[in-house]
Amino acid sequence: MLSNPADRQKLLDAIKEMSNSMTRVDAEKDFQKEAIDKVNDELGLEKKHVRKLASIYHKQNFSTVQQEQEELQELYELITTKASAA
């Protein structure tokens, strides 16, 4: 396994950088939760809707989400209509 001290140091350095990155991610997740809580408290919007809106805005995929929702709605109506007619 890693017998070369330089290789061990490279691995340790990479692990430290990854840990630092994970710390930053955790902090950002805390911020996002606080922002969602604030909007929920101040505007009364459901947290799941705020989270979904932020995700759509970030990914800029509103039309894709809309299309998927329409397909899901059509499929749901198809299976529930057939189930109730049978």
Protein backbone atom coordinates (compact mmCIF):
# COMPACT_ATOMS: atom_id res chain seq x y z
CA MET A 1 0.00 0.00 0.00
CA LEU A 2 1.25 3.59 0.14
CA SER A 3 4.87 3.01 1.09
CA ASN A 4 6.08 6.28 -0.41
CA PRO A 5 5.86 9.13 2.14
CA ALA A 6 5.14 11.61 -0.67
CA ASP A 7 2.14 9.55 -1.81
CA ARG A 8 0.84 9.33 1.75
CA GLN A 9 1.13 13.11 2.05
CA LYS A 10 -0.71 13.61 -1.25
CA LEU A 11 -3.53 11.43 0.03
CA LEU A 12 -3.65 13.22 3.38
CA ASP A 13 -3.69 16.61 1.63
CA ALA A 14 -6.55 15.50 -0.62
CA ILE A 15 -8.51 14.17 2.38
CA LYS A 16 -8.01 17.46 4.23
CA GLU A 17 -9.22 19.46 1.22
CA MET A 18 -12.25 17.20 0.87
CA SER A 19 -13.02 17.64 4.55
CA ASN A 20 -12.78 21.42 4.15
CA SER A 21 -15.14 21.22 1.19
CA MET A 22 -17.61 19.14 3.21
CA THR A 23 -17.50 21.77 5.96
CA ARG A 24 -18.40 24.47 3.43
CA VAL A 25 -21.23 22.32 2.05
CA ASP A 26 -22.61 21.80 5.56
CA ALA A 27 -22.54 25.55 6.16
CA GLU A 28 -24.36 26.23 2.89
CA LYS A 29 -27.00 23.63 3.75
CA ASP A 30 -27.52 25.34 7.11
CA PHE A 31 -27.92 28.68 5.32
CA GLN A 32 -30.45 27.20 2.88
CA LYS A 33 -32.47 25.72 5.74
CA GLU A 34 -32.47 29.07 7.55
CA ALA A 35 -33.56 30.90 4.37
CA ILE A 36 -36.39 28.41 3.81
CA ASP A 37 -37.50 28.74 7.44
CA LYS A 38 -37.48 32.54 7.16
CA VAL A 39 -39.62 32.55 4.02
CA ASN A 40 -41.99 30.07 5.64
CA ASP A 41 -42.28 32.20 8.79
CA GLU A 42 -42.58 35.56 7.04
CA LEU A 43 -44.65 34.64 3.98
CA GLY A 44 -46.40 31.46 5.07
CA LEU A 45 -45.26 29.48 2.04
CA GLU A 46 -44.78 25.76 2.47
CA LYS A 47 -41.14 24.81 2.87
CA LYS A 48 -41.35 22.14 0.17
CA HIS A 49 -42.56 24.77 -2.31
CA VAL A 50 -39.79 27.21 -1.43
CA ARG A 51 -37.21 24.43 -1.76
CA LYS A 52 -38.65 23.32 -5.12
CA LEU A 53 -38.81 26.88 -6.46
CA ALA A 54 -35.19 27.50 -5.48
CA SER A 55 -34.13 24.27 -7.15
CA ILE A 56 -35.98 25.10 -10.37
CA TYR A 57 -34.55 28.61 -10.36
CA HIS A 58 -31.02 27.33 -9.76
CA LYS A 59 -31.20 24.67 -12.48
CA GLN A 60 -33.19 26.93 -14.84
CA ASN A 61 -35.35 23.94 -15.80
CA PHE A 62 -38.88 25.22 -15.37
CA SER A 63 -40.06 23.95 -18.76
CA THR A 64 -38.65 20.49 -18.06
CA VAL A 65 -40.32 20.33 -14.64
CA GLN A 66 -43.57 21.56 -16.17
CA GLN A 67 -43.44 18.91 -18.90
CA GLU A 68 -42.69 16.14 -16.39
CA GLN A 69 -45.59 17.29 -14.23
CA GLU A 70 -47.96 17.22 -17.20
CA GLU A 71 -46.80 13.72 -18.13
CA LEU A 72 -47.26 12.56 -14.55
CA GLN A 73 -50.73 14.08 -14.42
CA GLU A 74 -51.74 12.38 -17.67
CA LEU A 75 -50.42 9.03 -16.47
CA TYR A 76 -52.17 9.36 -13.12
CA GLU A 77 -55.46 10.22 -14.77
CA LEU A 78 -55.03 7.31 -17.17
CA ILE A 79 -54.47 4.73 -14.47
CA THR A 80 -57.09 6.04 -12.06
CA THR A 81 -59.73 6.33 -14.78
CA LYS A 82 -59.12 2.76 -15.94
CA ALA A 83 -59.06 1.49 -12.36
CA SER A 84 -62.39 3.08 -11.51
CA ALA A 85 -64.00 1.96 -14.79
CA ALA A 86 -62.95 -1.68 -14.34
